[in-house]
C-alpha atoms as a PDB file:
ATOM      1  CA  MET A   1       0.757 -31.249   6.156  1.00  0.00           C
ATOM      2  CA  THR A   2       2.083 -29.862   2.612  1.00  0.00           C
ATOM      3  CA  SER A   3      -1.465 -28.906   1.610  1.00  0.00           C
ATOM      4  CA  LEU A   4      -1.970 -26.904   4.737  1.00  0.00           C
ATOM      5  CA  LEU A   5       1.279 -25.038   3.855  1.00  0.00           C
ATOM      6  CA  LYS A   6       0.095 -24.366   0.543  1.00  0.00           C
ATOM      7  CA  LYS A   7      -3.259 -22.816   1.822  1.00  0.00           C
ATOM      8  CA  LEU A   8      -1.419 -21.067   4.495  1.00  0.00           C
ATOM      9  CA  PRO A   9      -0.571 -17.750   2.291  1.00  0.00           C
ATOM     10  CA  LYS A  10      -4.005 -17.916   0.506  1.00  0.00           C
ATOM     11  CA  VAL A  11      -5.397 -17.553   4.106  1.00  0.00           C
ATOM     12  CA  PHE A  12      -3.295 -15.082   5.349  1.00  0.00           C
ATOM     13  CA  PHE A  13      -4.070 -12.782   2.172  1.00  0.00           C
ATOM     14  CA  ILE A  14      -7.510 -13.543   2.731  1.00  0.00           C
ATOM     15  CA  LEU A  15      -7.207 -12.212   6.603  1.00  0.00           C
ATOM     16  CA  LEU A  16      -5.069  -9.349   5.549  1.00  0.00           C
ATOM     17  CA  SER A  17      -7.510  -7.977   3.054  1.00  0.00           C
ATOM     18  CA  ALA A  18     -10.655  -8.399   5.345  1.00  0.00           C
ATOM     19  CA  SER A  19      -8.676  -6.656   8.087  1.00  0.00           C
ATOM     20  CA  ILE A  20      -7.764  -3.855   5.806  1.00  0.00           C
ATOM     21  CA  SER A  21     -11.308  -3.611   4.522  1.00  0.00           C
ATOM     22  CA  VAL A  22     -12.802  -3.373   7.962  1.00  0.00           C
ATOM     23  CA  TYR A  23     -10.087  -1.021   9.071  1.00  0.00           C
ATOM     24  CA  THR A  24     -11.023   1.301   6.127  1.00  0.00           C
ATOM     25  CA  LEU A  25     -14.638   1.032   6.946  1.00  0.00           C
ATOM     26  CA  PHE A  26     -14.618   1.756  10.644  1.00  0.00           C
ATOM     27  CA  SER A  27     -11.526   4.251  10.854  1.00  0.00           C
ATOM     28  CA  ILE A  28     -12.009   6.114   7.742  1.00  0.00           C
ATOM     29  CA  LYS A  29     -15.774   6.471   6.990  1.00  0.00           C
ATOM     30  CA  VAL A  30     -17.106   9.744   8.390  1.00  0.00           C
ATOM     31  CA  THR A  31     -20.781  10.106   8.900  1.00  0.00           C
ATOM     32  CA  LYS A  32     -22.904  12.675   6.751  1.00  0.00           C
ATOM     33  CA  ALA A  33     -25.771  12.809   9.379  1.00  0.00           C
ATOM     34  CA  ILE A  34     -26.418  16.409  10.901  1.00  0.00           C
ATOM     35  CA  THR A  35     -26.958  16.735  14.645  1.00  0.00           C
ATOM     36  CA  LYS A  36     -28.070  19.273  16.800  1.00  0.00           C
ATOM     37  CA  ASP A  37     -24.334  20.094  17.686  1.00  0.00           C
ATOM     38  CA  ASP A  38     -23.686  20.908  13.841  1.00  0.00           C
ATOM     39  CA  TYR A  39     -26.528  23.371  13.796  1.00  0.00           C
ATOM     40  CA  LYS A  40     -25.185  25.084  16.764  1.00  0.00           C
ATOM     41  CA  ILE A  41     -21.507  24.998  15.451  1.00  0.00           C
ATOM     42  CA  THR A  42     -22.726  26.178  12.154  1.00  0.00           C
ATOM     43  CA  LYS A  43     -24.781  29.128  13.781  1.00  0.00           C
ATOM     44  CA  LEU A  44     -21.408  30.081  15.590  1.00  0.00           C
ATOM     45  CA  LEU A  45     -19.571  30.484  12.003  1.00  0.00           C
ATOM     46  CA  ASN A  46     -22.017  33.400  11.509  1.00  0.00           C
ATOM     47  CA  ILE A  47     -22.147  33.298   7.780  1.00  0.00           C
ATOM     48  CA  ASP A  48     -25.675  33.180   7.073  1.00  0.00           C
ATOM     49  CA  LYS A  49     -25.560  36.521   4.867  1.00  0.00           C
ATOM     50  CA  GLU A  50     -22.781  34.887   2.675  1.00  0.00           C
ATOM     51  CA  CYS A  51     -24.493  31.433   2.249  1.00  0.00           C
ATOM     52  CA  SER A  52     -27.948  32.633   1.459  1.00  0.00           C
ATOM     53  CA  ASN A  53     -29.561  33.077  -2.087  1.00  0.00           C
ATOM     54  CA  LEU A  54     -26.762  30.766  -3.628  1.00  0.00           C
ATOM     55  CA  ASN A  55     -28.156  30.951  -7.314  1.00  0.00           C
ATOM     56  CA  ASP A  56     -24.775  31.299  -8.973  1.00  0.00           C
ATOM     57  CA  TYR A  57     -21.262  29.824  -8.802  1.00  0.00           C
ATOM     58  CA  LYS A  58     -19.883  33.169  -7.641  1.00  0.00           C
ATOM     59  CA  LYS A  59     -22.144  33.218  -4.825  1.00  0.00           C
ATOM     60  CA  GLU A  60     -21.287  29.452  -4.078  1.00  0.00           C
ATOM     61  CA  ILE A  61     -17.603  30.235  -3.934  1.00  0.00           C
ATOM     62  CA  VAL A  62     -18.122  33.268  -1.576  1.00  0.00           C
ATOM     63  CA  CYS A  63     -19.816  31.167   0.809  1.00  0.00           C
ATOM     64  CA  ILE A  64     -17.310  28.202   0.549  1.00  0.00           C
ATOM     65  CA  GLU A  65     -14.530  30.646   1.273  1.00  0.00           C
ATOM     66  CA  SER A  66     -16.395  32.426   4.105  1.00  0.00           C
ATOM     67  CA  LEU A  67     -17.040  29.238   5.751  1.00  0.00           C
ATOM     68  CA  GLN A  68     -13.620  27.830   5.530  1.00  0.00           C
ATOM     69  CA  LYS A  69     -12.245  31.181   6.824  1.00  0.00           C
ATOM     70  CA  ALA A  70     -14.653  31.470   9.908  1.00  0.00           C
ATOM     71  CA  GLN A  71     -14.050  27.799  10.782  1.00  0.00           C
ATOM     72  CA  LEU A  72     -10.490  28.813  10.951  1.00  0.00           C
ATOM     73  CA  ASN A  73     -10.984  31.933  12.804  1.00  0.00           C
ATOM     74  CA  LEU A  74     -13.438  30.008  15.234  1.00  0.00           C
ATOM     75  CA  ILE A  75     -11.138  27.386  16.459  1.00  0.00           C
ATOM     76  CA  LYS A  76      -7.745  28.988  16.946  1.00  0.00           C
ATOM     77  CA  GLY A  77      -5.775  25.735  17.905  1.00  0.00           C
ATOM     78  CA  ILE A  78      -4.256  23.215  15.660  1.00  0.00           C
ATOM     79  CA  ASN A  79      -3.386  20.405  18.386  1.00  0.00           C
ATOM     80  CA  CYS A  80      -5.282  17.329  18.044  1.00  0.00           C
ATOM     81  CA  ARG A  81      -7.603  16.525  20.898  1.00  0.00           C
ATOM     82  CA  LYS A  82      -5.828  13.390  22.848  1.00  0.00           C
ATOM     83  CA  LYS A  83      -9.030  11.520  24.056  1.00  0.00           C
ATOM     84  CA  PHE A  84     -11.755   9.635  22.268  1.00  0.00           C
ATOM     85  CA  ILE A  85     -12.656  11.534  19.104  1.00  0.00           C
ATOM     86  CA  ASN A  86     -16.337  12.595  18.846  1.00  0.00           C
ATOM     87  CA  LEU A  87     -16.637  14.154  15.421  1.00  0.00           C
ATOM     88  CA  GLY A  88     -19.039  16.951  15.030  1.00  0.00           C
ATOM     89  CA  SER A  89     -19.221  17.690  18.808  1.00  0.00           C
ATOM     90  CA  LEU A  90     -19.303  20.915  20.506  1.00  0.00           C
ATOM     91  CA  GLU A  91     -16.226  19.717  22.486  1.00  0.00           C
ATOM     92  CA  VAL A  92     -14.169  21.009  19.550  1.00  0.00           C
ATOM     93  CA  ILE A  93     -15.350  24.317  20.149  1.00  0.00           C
ATOM     94  CA  ASN A  94     -14.859  24.097  24.056  1.00  0.00           C
ATOM     95  CA  GLU A  95     -11.367  22.952  23.781  1.00  0.00           C
ATOM     96  CA  ASN A  96     -10.783  25.621  21.114  1.00  0.00           C
ATOM     97  CA  THR A  97      -8.503  23.076  19.093  1.00  0.00           C
ATOM     98  CA  ALA A  98      -8.935  20.614  16.352  1.00  0.00           C
ATOM     99  CA  CYS A  99      -7.191  18.492  13.715  1.00  0.00           C
ATOM    100  CA  CYS A 100      -7.802  18.634  10.085  1.00  0.00           C
ATOM    101  CA  PHE A 101     -10.572  15.560  10.493  1.00  0.00           C
ATOM    102  CA  ASP A 102     -12.525  17.790  13.088  1.00  0.00           C
ATOM    103  CA  ARG A 103     -12.280  20.841  10.953  1.00  0.00           C
ATOM    104  CA  ALA A 104     -13.255  18.742   7.635  1.00  0.00           C
ATOM    105  CA  ARG A 105     -16.292  17.566   9.398  1.00  0.00           C
ATOM    106  CA  ILE A 106     -17.430  21.008  10.677  1.00  0.00           C
ATOM    107  CA  ILE A 107     -16.940  22.369   6.885  1.00  0.00           C
ATOM    108  CA  GLU A 108     -18.774  19.017   5.381  1.00  0.00           C
ATOM    109  CA  GLN A 109     -21.903  19.744   7.928  1.00  0.00           C
ATOM    110  CA  ALA A 110     -21.959  23.399   7.492  1.00  0.00           C
ATOM    111  CA  LEU A 111     -22.192  22.947   3.721  1.00  0.00           C
ATOM    112  CA  GLN A 112     -24.678  20.370   3.877  1.00  0.00           C
ATOM    113  CA  ILE A 113     -26.760  22.812   6.174  1.00  0.00           C
ATOM    114  CA  TYR A 114     -26.571  25.423   3.303  1.00  0.00           C
ATOM    115  CA  GLY A 115     -27.560  22.883   0.830  1.00  0.00           C
ATOM    116  CA  PHE A 116     -24.547  21.524  -0.635  1.00  0.00           C
ATOM    117  CA  LYS A 117     -23.519  18.020  -1.503  1.00  0.00           C
ATOM    118  CA  VAL A 118     -19.978  16.854   0.076  1.00  0.00           C
ATOM    119  CA  ARG A 119     -17.658  14.143   0.103  1.00  0.00           C
ATOM    120  CA  HIS A 120     -15.011  13.563   2.871  1.00  0.00           C
ATOM    121  CA  VAL A 121     -11.407  13.009   1.460  1.00  0.00           C
ATOM    122  CA  HIS A 122      -8.702  11.271   3.411  1.00  0.00           C
ATOM    123  CA  LEU A 123      -5.353  11.986   1.741  1.00  0.00           C
ATOM    124  CA  ASN A 124      -2.367   9.583   2.565  1.00  0.00           C
ATOM    125  CA  GLU A 125       1.169  10.024   1.673  1.00  0.00           C
ATOM    126  CA  THR A 126       2.271   7.096  -0.586  1.00  0.00           C
ATOM    127  CA  ALA A 127       5.823   7.739  -1.395  1.00  0.00           C
ATOM    128  CA  ASN A 128       7.682   5.078   0.582  1.00  0.00           C
ATOM    129  CA  ARG A 129       5.456   2.482   1.140  1.00  0.00           C
ATOM    130  CA  GLY A 130       2.375   2.946  -1.224  1.00  0.00           C
ATOM    131  CA  TYR A 131      -0.901   2.152   0.007  1.00  0.00           C
ATOM    132  CA  PHE A 132       0.566   0.006   2.870  1.00  0.00           C
ATOM    133  CA  ASN A 133       1.292   3.334   4.609  1.00  0.00           C
ATOM    134  CA  LEU A 134      -2.439   3.244   5.776  1.00  0.00           C
ATOM    135  CA  LEU A 135      -1.336   0.515   8.153  1.00  0.00           C
ATOM    136  CA  TYR A 136       1.601   2.296   9.702  1.00  0.00           C
ATOM    137  CA  PRO A 137       1.031   4.714  12.709  1.00  0.00           C
ATOM    138  CA  GLY A 138       2.188   8.332  12.233  1.00  0.00           C
ATOM    139  CA  SER A 139       2.309   7.990   8.563  1.00  0.00           C
ATOM    140  CA  LYS A 140       1.403  11.383   6.923  1.00  0.00           C
ATOM    141  CA  SER A 141      -2.155  11.978   6.275  1.00  0.00           C
ATOM    142  CA  HIS A 142      -4.860  14.881   5.913  1.00  0.00           C
ATOM    143  CA  ALA A 143      -8.540  14.951   5.981  1.00  0.00           C
ATOM    144  CA  VAL A 144     -10.342  17.533   3.506  1.00  0.00           C
ATOM    145  CA  THR A 145     -13.508  18.305   2.029  1.00  0.00           C
ATOM    146  CA  GLU A 146     -14.949  18.122  -1.723  1.00  0.00           C
ATOM    147  CA  VAL A 147     -18.183  20.212  -2.335  1.00  0.00           C
ATOM    148  CA  LEU A 148     -20.216  20.101  -5.419  1.00  0.00           C
ATOM    149  CA  THR A 149     -20.743  23.376  -7.036  1.00  0.00           C
ATOM    150  CA  SER A 150     -22.652  24.232 -10.082  1.00  0.00           C
ATOM    151  CA  LYS A 151     -19.529  23.881 -12.050  1.00  0.00           C
ATOM    152  CA  GLY A 152     -18.370  20.624 -10.526  1.00  0.00           C
ATOM    153  CA  TRP A 153     -16.480  19.099  -7.554  1.00  0.00           C
ATOM    154  CA  LEU A 154     -14.279  21.715  -5.676  1.00  0.00           C
ATOM    155  CA  GLY A 155     -11.514  20.760  -3.071  1.00  0.00           C
ATOM    156  CA  VAL A 156     -11.652  22.647   0.274  1.00  0.00           C
ATOM    157  CA  ASP A 157      -8.732  22.276   2.737  1.00  0.00           C
ATOM    158  CA  SER A 158      -9.370  21.928   6.390  1.00  0.00           C
ATOM    159  CA  ASN A 159      -6.503  23.392   7.956  1.00  0.00           C
ATOM    160  CA  GLU A 160      -5.370  26.159   5.410  1.00  0.00           C
ATOM    161  CA  GLN A 161      -7.327  28.802   3.708  1.00  0.00           C
ATOM    162  CA  PHE A 162      -7.427  27.482   0.108  1.00  0.00           C
ATOM    163  CA  ILE A 163      -9.880  25.944  -2.371  1.00  0.00           C
ATOM    164  CA  LEU A 164      -8.733  24.253  -5.413  1.00  0.00           C
ATOM    165  CA  LEU A 165      -9.624  26.816  -8.172  1.00  0.00           C
ATOM    166  CA  ASN A 166      -7.627  26.806 -11.391  1.00  0.00           C
ATOM    167  CA  LYS A 167      -6.352  29.810 -13.032  1.00  0.00           C
ATOM    168  CA  LYS A 168      -9.918  30.045 -14.901  1.00  0.00           C
ATOM    169  CA  SER A 169     -11.686  29.871 -11.648  1.00  0.00           C
ATOM    170  CA  PHE A 170     -12.772  26.323 -12.202  1.00  0.00           C
ATOM    171  CA  PRO A 171     -13.138  23.693  -9.562  1.00  0.00           C
ATOM    172  CA  ASN A 172     -10.875  20.662  -9.237  1.00  0.00           C
ATOM    173  CA  THR A 173     -10.993  17.769  -6.953  1.00  0.00           C
ATOM    174  CA  TYR A 174      -8.008  16.496  -4.938  1.00  0.00           C
ATOM    175  CA  GLU A 175      -7.207  13.906  -7.587  1.00  0.00           C
ATOM    176  CA  GLU A 176      -7.275  16.250 -10.363  1.00  0.00           C
ATOM    177  CA  ALA A 177      -5.109  18.880  -8.250  1.00  0.00           C
ATOM    178  CA  ILE A 178      -2.504  16.100  -7.340  1.00  0.00           C
ATOM    179  CA  THR A 179      -2.247  14.769 -10.990  1.00  0.00           C
ATOM    180  CA  SER A 180      -1.847  18.133 -12.807  1.00  0.00           C
ATOM    181  CA  GLY A 181       0.439  19.584  -9.810  1.00  0.00           C
ATOM    182  CA  LEU A 182      -2.060  22.455  -9.052  1.00  0.00           C
ATOM    183  CA  ILE A 183      -1.793  21.350  -5.240  1.00  0.00           C
ATOM    184  CA  ASN A 184       1.836  22.274  -5.149  1.00  0.00           C
ATOM    185  CA  ASN A 185       0.551  25.735  -5.726  1.00  0.00           C
ATOM    186  CA  TYR A 186      -1.387  25.717  -2.175  1.00  0.00           C
ATOM    187  CA  SER A 187       0.164  22.857  -0.095  1.00  0.00           C
ATOM    188  CA  GLU A 188       3.303  21.017   0.918  1.00  0.00           C
ATOM    189  CA  PHE A 189       1.564  17.838   1.700  1.00  0.00           C
END
């Protein structure tokens, strides 16, 4: 009986770690596969002119900013959809409302269609409970995108019109912007 009690904390932490890993893998991972709907949504953004001939950094930035602005203008509503979430679907356009995760995916898919490499970033507030906030429903979180430009990875917000450029117009990742305090110039999150 005492050996079972000694093993119980170890088993608990193994199960907890496995549960967190599975949750993270399935709930936060966003596919990069491009669908027919992604092409249709990208066409609706109407940014072919701004995103063609991307042969220098300034043109890349114009494309990224134009895409971000077009996405914000295309989908007026900022409320989350209430039912099962089908990321990257025309349902977002038809309902004319989207949360940060829908908007980030639209940005990511469009950037990929125009030849960029992207990565999905999931930001979580860690002030009160640290990384355990991932396990609490309703904890503050935000989905954003990072895109690889010719000068490095650049953070692109999904809900607000800003990209993470420093004073010299060099790109910053969200990690760099949070660490340096640059993010405070753009967002309250």
